[in-house]
Amino acid sequence: RALSTYFTPAAYGGGRERGLQQWTAAIAPWLEAWRSESRSLLGMPTFGIGREHQERLQKLAKAQIDLQQQEAAYNGLMLKTGQRAYAIFEKKLAERDAPGKQLTTARALFDVWIEAAEEAYAEMALSPEFRDAYGARVNAQMRLRQSVQGEVEQMSAMLGMPTRSDLDAAFRKIADLERALRTLRDQVDDAGQRQRCLAHQQSSHRHHLPIAARHLSRPS
């Protein structure tokens, strides 16, 4: 019998997909309430001698929460993409129910699934919704990365260790010195070349001067 009669979205993973969707929908209110409470606590004004450090930690925590929200939105789009892929997969399997078009090998079935998944992802990847979600996710990642690097630099400075800023400054100075040395080397080479050309011209002039004098002293 054709393999397409055994592999349908409901049998292949539809139940697991619905279970994951229901679980995500069930915990969504709890996660949103936790994020809202966390943001309200992180928005409290700082005071005391450690207020600057507290502000940095609040910024770091906000960046982490924002990344979680953007990741959730992105994962939601990926879930929609999976649902769309199953729908396209089912449609492609229905098209191959006719005699002579049935799938008889696991390789053929796998190729159909890959085609369905790629088609679904292409539809989602070219949509404005995916563009906005992906861009927001990347921006959130960069903000969190910047906050983490700032905390690492603070701790490194407190421990007397070189920070990323120190290394970047040192690398820039080394690059500037190498550039200046290369320019100076080129200037020295050009000056040496001009000096050799001038010396060659003077030598040629001294060599041809007696010959010219003999021609001038011949009687007419």
C-alpha atoms as a PDB file:
ATOM      1  CA  ARG A   1       0.000   0.000   0.000  1.00  0.00           C
ATOM      2  CA  ALA A   2       1.076   3.593  -0.556  1.00  0.00           C
ATOM      3  CA  LEU A   3       2.909   5.239   2.327  1.00  0.00           C
ATOM      4  CA  SER A   4       0.746   8.359   2.014  1.00  0.00           C
ATOM      5  CA  THR A   5      -2.182   6.456   3.528  1.00  0.00           C
ATOM      6  CA  TYR A   6      -0.232   5.971   6.775  1.00  0.00           C
ATOM      7  CA  PHE A   7       1.368   9.415   7.121  1.00  0.00           C
ATOM      8  CA  THR A   8      -1.157  12.193   7.645  1.00  0.00           C
ATOM      9  CA  PRO A   9      -0.744  15.344   9.767  1.00  0.00           C
ATOM     10  CA  ALA A  10      -3.113  13.938  12.404  1.00  0.00           C
ATOM     11  CA  ALA A  11      -1.197  10.680  12.652  1.00  0.00           C
ATOM     12  CA  TYR A  12       2.259  12.136  12.104  1.00  0.00           C
ATOM     13  CA  GLY A  13       2.153  14.889  14.694  1.00  0.00           C
ATOM     14  CA  GLY A  14      -1.114  16.762  14.714  1.00  0.00           C
ATOM     15  CA  GLY A  15      -2.025  15.659  18.245  1.00  0.00           C
ATOM     16  CA  ARG A  16       1.331  16.665  19.635  1.00  0.00           C
ATOM     17  CA  GLU A  17       1.080  20.010  17.837  1.00  0.00           C
ATOM     18  CA  ARG A  18      -2.362  20.725  19.313  1.00  0.00           C
ATOM     19  CA  GLY A  19      -1.134  19.728  22.771  1.00  0.00           C
ATOM     20  CA  LEU A  20       1.810  22.125  22.531  1.00  0.00           C
ATOM     21  CA  GLN A  21      -0.439  24.906  21.308  1.00  0.00           C
ATOM     22  CA  GLN A  22      -2.906  24.356  24.153  1.00  0.00           C
ATOM     23  CA  TRP A  23      -0.105  24.292  26.730  1.00  0.00           C
ATOM     24  CA  THR A  24       1.372  27.505  25.320  1.00  0.00           C
ATOM     25  CA  ALA A  25      -2.028  29.200  25.397  1.00  0.00           C
ATOM     26  CA  ALA A  26      -2.626  28.019  28.981  1.00  0.00           C
ATOM     27  CA  ILE A  27       0.607  29.428  30.415  1.00  0.00           C
ATOM     28  CA  ALA A  28       0.553  32.631  28.334  1.00  0.00           C
ATOM     29  CA  PRO A  29      -1.510  34.616  30.898  1.00  0.00           C
ATOM     30  CA  TRP A  30       0.786  33.550  33.730  1.00  0.00           C
ATOM     31  CA  LEU A  31       3.888  34.541  31.769  1.00  0.00           C
ATOM     32  CA  GLU A  32       2.395  37.879  30.793  1.00  0.00           C
ATOM     33  CA  ALA A  33       1.418  38.603  34.411  1.00  0.00           C
ATOM     34  CA  TRP A  34       4.935  37.723  35.567  1.00  0.00           C
ATOM     35  CA  ARG A  35       6.493  39.984  32.939  1.00  0.00           C
ATOM     36  CA  SER A  36       4.200  42.869  33.854  1.00  0.00           C
ATOM     37  CA  GLU A  37       4.983  42.484  37.558  1.00  0.00           C
ATOM     38  CA  SER A  38       8.691  42.244  36.839  1.00  0.00           C
ATOM     39  CA  ARG A  39       8.631  45.368  34.690  1.00  0.00           C
ATOM     40  CA  SER A  40       6.811  47.316  37.403  1.00  0.00           C
ATOM     41  CA  LEU A  41       9.405  46.259  39.983  1.00  0.00           C
ATOM     42  CA  LEU A  42      12.267  47.039  37.629  1.00  0.00           C
ATOM     43  CA  GLY A  43      10.815  50.501  37.009  1.00  0.00           C
ATOM     44  CA  MET A  44      11.184  51.533  40.635  1.00  0.00           C
ATOM     45  CA  PRO A  45      13.617  54.433  41.228  1.00  0.00           C
ATOM     46  CA  THR A  46      17.013  53.596  42.633  1.00  0.00           C
ATOM     47  CA  PHE A  47      18.650  55.226  45.646  1.00  0.00           C
ATOM     48  CA  GLY A  48      21.654  54.842  47.882  1.00  0.00           C
ATOM     49  CA  ILE A  49      25.345  54.458  47.215  1.00  0.00           C
ATOM     50  CA  GLY A  50      24.783  51.550  44.837  1.00  0.00           C
ATOM     51  CA  ARG A  51      22.101  53.199  42.721  1.00  0.00           C
ATOM     52  CA  GLU A  52      24.243  53.254  39.566  1.00  0.00           C
ATOM     53  CA  HIS A  53      24.932  49.561  39.874  1.00  0.00           C
ATOM     54  CA  GLN A  54      21.245  48.928  40.555  1.00  0.00           C
ATOM     55  CA  GLU A  55      20.280  50.898  37.438  1.00  0.00           C
ATOM     56  CA  ARG A  56      22.589  48.768  35.307  1.00  0.00           C
ATOM     57  CA  LEU A  57      21.119  45.588  36.733  1.00  0.00           C
ATOM     58  CA  GLN A  58      17.600  46.861  36.097  1.00  0.00           C
ATOM     59  CA  LYS A  59      18.554  47.635  32.513  1.00  0.00           C
ATOM     60  CA  LEU A  60      20.005  44.151  32.145  1.00  0.00           C
ATOM     61  CA  ALA A  61      16.870  42.522  33.565  1.00  0.00           C
ATOM     62  CA  LYS A  62      14.620  44.598  31.299  1.00  0.00           C
ATOM     63  CA  ALA A  63      16.684  43.571  28.300  1.00  0.00           C
ATOM     64  CA  GLN A  64      16.321  39.925  29.316  1.00  0.00           C
ATOM     65  CA  ILE A  65      12.537  40.223  29.673  1.00  0.00           C
ATOM     66  CA  ASP A  66      12.286  42.033  26.352  1.00  0.00           C
ATOM     67  CA  LEU A  67      14.286  39.280  24.670  1.00  0.00           C
ATOM     68  CA  GLN A  68      11.962  36.660  26.137  1.00  0.00           C
ATOM     69  CA  GLN A  69       8.952  38.511  24.716  1.00  0.00           C
ATOM     70  CA  GLN A  70      10.534  38.818  21.280  1.00  0.00           C
ATOM     71  CA  GLU A  71      11.566  35.166  21.364  1.00  0.00           C
ATOM     72  CA  ALA A  72       7.990  34.197  22.235  1.00  0.00           C
ATOM     73  CA  ALA A  73       6.638  36.223  19.299  1.00  0.00           C
ATOM     74  CA  TYR A  74       9.197  34.681  16.951  1.00  0.00           C
ATOM     75  CA  ASN A  75       8.464  31.165  18.190  1.00  0.00           C
ATOM     76  CA  GLY A  76       4.768  31.829  17.682  1.00  0.00           C
ATOM     77  CA  LEU A  77       5.444  32.589  14.038  1.00  0.00           C
ATOM     78  CA  MET A  78       7.495  29.409  13.752  1.00  0.00           C
ATOM     79  CA  LEU A  79       4.547  27.503  15.236  1.00  0.00           C
ATOM     80  CA  LYS A  80       2.294  29.016  12.580  1.00  0.00           C
ATOM     81  CA  THR A  81       4.834  27.995   9.982  1.00  0.00           C
ATOM     82  CA  GLY A  82       4.717  24.416  11.269  1.00  0.00           C
ATOM     83  CA  GLN A  83       0.933  24.402  11.094  1.00  0.00           C
ATOM     84  CA  ARG A  84       1.040  25.749   7.565  1.00  0.00           C
ATOM     85  CA  ALA A  85       3.633  23.114   6.630  1.00  0.00           C
ATOM     86  CA  TYR A  86       1.333  20.338   7.881  1.00  0.00           C
ATOM     87  CA  ALA A  87      -1.552  21.779   5.833  1.00  0.00           C
ATOM     88  CA  ILE A  88       0.583  21.921   2.688  1.00  0.00           C
ATOM     89  CA  PHE A  89       1.881  18.425   3.423  1.00  0.00           C
ATOM     90  CA  GLU A  90      -1.658  17.108   3.671  1.00  0.00           C
ATOM     91  CA  LYS A  91      -2.567  18.790   0.386  1.00  0.00           C
ATOM     92  CA  LYS A  92       0.440  17.315  -1.385  1.00  0.00           C
ATOM     93  CA  LEU A  93      -0.383  13.848  -0.046  1.00  0.00           C
ATOM     94  CA  ALA A  94      -3.954  14.204  -1.311  1.00  0.00           C
ATOM     95  CA  GLU A  95      -2.640  15.088  -4.753  1.00  0.00           C
ATOM     96  CA  ARG A  96      -0.701  11.818  -4.814  1.00  0.00           C
ATOM     97  CA  ASP A  97      -3.653   9.544  -4.026  1.00  0.00           C
ATOM     98  CA  ALA A  98      -4.351   9.020  -7.698  1.00  0.00           C
ATOM     99  CA  PRO A  99      -3.084   5.763  -9.283  1.00  0.00           C
ATOM    100  CA  GLY A 100       0.436   6.123 -10.590  1.00  0.00           C
ATOM    101  CA  LYS A 101       1.250   9.088  -8.337  1.00  0.00           C
ATOM    102  CA  GLN A 102       1.242   7.310  -4.982  1.00  0.00           C
ATOM    103  CA  LEU A 103       4.320   7.390  -2.785  1.00  0.00           C
ATOM    104  CA  THR A 104       5.915   3.995  -2.416  1.00  0.00           C
ATOM    105  CA  THR A 105       9.185   4.816  -0.625  1.00  0.00           C
ATOM    106  CA  ALA A 106      10.115   6.615   2.562  1.00  0.00           C
ATOM    107  CA  ARG A 107      12.519   8.772   0.564  1.00  0.00           C
ATOM    108  CA  ALA A 108       9.691  10.065  -1.624  1.00  0.00           C
ATOM    109  CA  LEU A 109       7.588  10.809   1.436  1.00  0.00           C
ATOM    110  CA  PHE A 110      10.470  12.669   3.042  1.00  0.00           C
ATOM    111  CA  ASP A 111      10.993  14.738  -0.132  1.00  0.00           C
ATOM    112  CA  VAL A 112       7.318  15.745  -0.107  1.00  0.00           C
ATOM    113  CA  TRP A 113       7.570  16.827   3.520  1.00  0.00           C
ATOM    114  CA  ILE A 114      10.701  18.873   2.797  1.00  0.00           C
ATOM    115  CA  GLU A 115       8.942  20.596  -0.101  1.00  0.00           C
ATOM    116  CA  ALA A 116       5.956  21.415   2.110  1.00  0.00           C
ATOM    117  CA  ALA A 117       8.136  22.741   4.935  1.00  0.00           C
ATOM    118  CA  GLU A 118      10.231  24.894   2.582  1.00  0.00           C
ATOM    119  CA  GLU A 119       7.128  26.297   0.922  1.00  0.00           C
ATOM    120  CA  ALA A 120       5.585  27.182   4.285  1.00  0.00           C
ATOM    121  CA  TYR A 121       8.797  28.798   5.542  1.00  0.00           C
ATOM    122  CA  ALA A 122       9.192  30.775   2.315  1.00  0.00           C
ATOM    123  CA  GLU A 123       5.680  32.188   2.725  1.00  0.00           C
ATOM    124  CA  MET A 124       6.409  33.207   6.308  1.00  0.00           C
ATOM    125  CA  ALA A 125       9.930  34.522   5.671  1.00  0.00           C
ATOM    126  CA  LEU A 126       8.710  36.929   2.976  1.00  0.00           C
ATOM    127  CA  SER A 127       5.863  38.327   5.070  1.00  0.00           C
ATOM    128  CA  PRO A 128       6.056  41.732   6.837  1.00  0.00           C
ATOM    129  CA  GLU A 129       5.022  40.036  10.078  1.00  0.00           C
ATOM    130  CA  PHE A 130       8.114  37.814  10.052  1.00  0.00           C
ATOM    131  CA  ARG A 131      10.338  40.742   9.090  1.00  0.00           C
ATOM    132  CA  ASP A 132       9.166  42.808  12.050  1.00  0.00           C
ATOM    133  CA  ALA A 133       9.368  39.893  14.501  1.00  0.00           C
ATOM    134  CA  TYR A 134      12.829  38.840  13.349  1.00  0.00           C
ATOM    135  CA  GLY A 135      14.162  42.401  13.430  1.00  0.00           C
ATOM    136  CA  ALA A 136      12.767  42.989  16.931  1.00  0.00           C
ATOM    137  CA  ARG A 137      14.297  39.714  18.095  1.00  0.00           C
ATOM    138  CA  VAL A 138      17.744  40.611  16.758  1.00  0.00           C
ATOM    139  CA  ASN A 139      17.564  44.107  18.259  1.00  0.00           C
ATOM    140  CA  ALA A 140      16.615  42.629  21.636  1.00  0.00           C
ATOM    141  CA  GLN A 141      19.546  40.227  21.428  1.00  0.00           C
ATOM    142  CA  MET A 142      21.949  43.089  20.690  1.00  0.00           C
ATOM    143  CA  ARG A 143      20.605  45.154  23.596  1.00  0.00           C
ATOM    144  CA  LEU A 144      21.024  42.237  25.980  1.00  0.00           C
ATOM    145  CA  ARG A 145      24.507  41.565  24.630  1.00  0.00           C
ATOM    146  CA  GLN A 146      25.467  45.190  25.187  1.00  0.00           C
ATOM    147  CA  SER A 147      24.148  45.128  28.750  1.00  0.00           C
ATOM    148  CA  VAL A 148      25.997  41.902  29.550  1.00  0.00           C
ATOM    149  CA  GLN A 149      29.231  43.302  28.119  1.00  0.00           C
ATOM    150  CA  GLY A 150      28.803  46.404  30.258  1.00  0.00           C
ATOM    151  CA  GLU A 151      28.460  44.325  33.411  1.00  0.00           C
ATOM    152  CA  VAL A 152      31.472  42.213  32.448  1.00  0.00           C
ATOM    153  CA  GLU A 153      33.530  45.364  31.962  1.00  0.00           C
ATOM    154  CA  GLN A 154      32.429  46.703  35.352  1.00  0.00           C
ATOM    155  CA  MET A 155      33.418  43.489  37.123  1.00  0.00           C
ATOM    156  CA  SER A 156      36.712  43.278  35.222  1.00  0.00           C
ATOM    157  CA  ALA A 157      37.579  46.853  36.141  1.00  0.00           C
ATOM    158  CA  MET A 158      36.792  46.165  39.802  1.00  0.00           C
ATOM    159  CA  LEU A 159      39.141  43.165  39.747  1.00  0.00           C
ATOM    160  CA  GLY A 160      41.896  45.072  37.948  1.00  0.00           C
ATOM    161  CA  MET A 161      41.598  43.006  34.782  1.00  0.00           C
ATOM    162  CA  PRO A 162      41.808  44.472  31.258  1.00  0.00           C
ATOM    163  CA  THR A 163      38.379  45.071  29.784  1.00  0.00           C
ATOM    164  CA  ARG A 164      37.111  44.834  26.234  1.00  0.00           C
ATOM    165  CA  SER A 165      37.316  48.609  25.908  1.00  0.00           C
ATOM    166  CA  ASP A 166      40.954  48.526  27.012  1.00  0.00           C
ATOM    167  CA  LEU A 167      41.771  45.834  24.456  1.00  0.00           C
ATOM    168  CA  ASP A 168      39.915  47.666  21.708  1.00  0.00           C
ATOM    169  CA  ALA A 169      41.816  50.864  22.516  1.00  0.00           C
ATOM    170  CA  ALA A 170      45.120  48.967  22.491  1.00  0.00           C
ATOM    171  CA  PHE A 171      44.295  47.341  19.148  1.00  0.00           C
ATOM    172  CA  ARG A 172      43.386  50.736  17.681  1.00  0.00           C
ATOM    173  CA  LYS A 173      46.703  52.210  18.855  1.00  0.00           C
ATOM    174  CA  ILE A 174      48.606  49.265  17.372  1.00  0.00           C
ATOM    175  CA  ALA A 175      46.775  49.696  14.065  1.00  0.00           C
ATOM    176  CA  ASP A 176      47.530  53.444  14.064  1.00  0.00           C
ATOM    177  CA  LEU A 177      51.220  52.774  14.796  1.00  0.00           C
ATOM    178  CA  GLU A 178      51.425  50.198  12.020  1.00  0.00           C
ATOM    179  CA  ARG A 179      49.768  52.643   9.614  1.00  0.00           C
ATOM    180  CA  ALA A 180      52.154  55.449  10.624  1.00  0.00           C
ATOM    181  CA  LEU A 181      55.176  53.129  10.326  1.00  0.00           C
ATOM    182  CA  ARG A 182      54.061  52.014   6.869  1.00  0.00           C
ATOM    183  CA  THR A 183      53.670  55.625   5.771  1.00  0.00           C
ATOM    184  CA  LEU A 184      57.108  56.543   7.147  1.00  0.00           C
ATOM    185  CA  ARG A 185      58.682  53.522   5.432  1.00  0.00           C
ATOM    186  CA  ASP A 186      57.131  54.532   2.116  1.00  0.00           C
ATOM    187  CA  GLN A 187      58.402  58.104   2.530  1.00  0.00           C
ATOM    188  CA  VAL A 188      61.930  56.853   3.283  1.00  0.00           C
ATOM    189  CA  ASP A 189      61.834  54.557   0.249  1.00  0.00           C
ATOM    190  CA  ASP A 190      60.654  57.424  -1.977  1.00  0.00           C
ATOM    191  CA  ALA A 191      63.364  59.723  -0.651  1.00  0.00           C
ATOM    192  CA  GLY A 192      66.022  57.050  -1.243  1.00  0.00           C
ATOM    193  CA  GLN A 193      64.757  56.482  -4.773  1.00  0.00           C
ATOM    194  CA  ARG A 194      64.895  60.205  -5.535  1.00  0.00           C
ATOM    195  CA  GLN A 195      68.404  60.399  -4.056  1.00  0.00           C
ATOM    196  CA  ARG A 196      69.615  57.539  -6.240  1.00  0.00           C
ATOM    197  CA  CYS A 197      68.089  59.123  -9.344  1.00  0.00           C
ATOM    198  CA  LEU A 198      69.750  62.443  -8.550  1.00  0.00           C
ATOM    199  CA  ALA A 199      73.106  60.746  -7.980  1.00  0.00           C
ATOM    200  CA  HIS A 200      72.786  58.894 -11.295  1.00  0.00           C
ATOM    201  CA  GLN A 201      71.994  62.126 -13.149  1.00  0.00           C
ATOM    202  CA  GLN A 202      75.007  63.883 -11.608  1.00  0.00           C
ATOM    203  CA  SER A 203      77.282  60.972 -12.517  1.00  0.00           C
ATOM    204  CA  SER A 204      76.049  60.994 -16.123  1.00  0.00           C
ATOM    205  CA  HIS A 205      76.596  64.749 -16.327  1.00  0.00           C
ATOM    206  CA  ARG A 206      80.194  64.450 -15.092  1.00  0.00           C
ATOM    207  CA  HIS A 207      80.840  61.629 -17.569  1.00  0.00           C
ATOM    208  CA  HIS A 208      79.600  63.538 -20.627  1.00  0.00           C
ATOM    209  CA  LEU A 209      81.102  66.912 -19.675  1.00  0.00           C
ATOM    210  CA  PRO A 210      84.710  66.232 -21.014  1.00  0.00           C
ATOM    211  CA  ILE A 211      83.368  64.943 -24.345  1.00  0.00           C
ATOM    212  CA  ALA A 212      81.340  68.090 -24.855  1.00  0.00           C
ATOM    213  CA  ALA A 213      84.368  70.220 -23.971  1.00  0.00           C
ATOM    214  CA  ARG A 214      86.518  68.419 -26.640  1.00  0.00           C
ATOM    215  CA  HIS A 215      83.918  69.061 -29.291  1.00  0.00           C
ATOM    216  CA  LEU A 216      83.855  72.727 -28.408  1.00  0.00           C
ATOM    217  CA  SER A 217      87.727  73.014 -28.541  1.00  0.00           C
ATOM    218  CA  ARG A 218      88.084  71.527 -32.078  1.00  0.00           C
ATOM    219  CA  PRO A 219      89.135  74.108 -34.778  1.00  0.00           C
ATOM    220  CA  SER A 220      86.463  74.959 -37.312  1.00  0.00           C
END
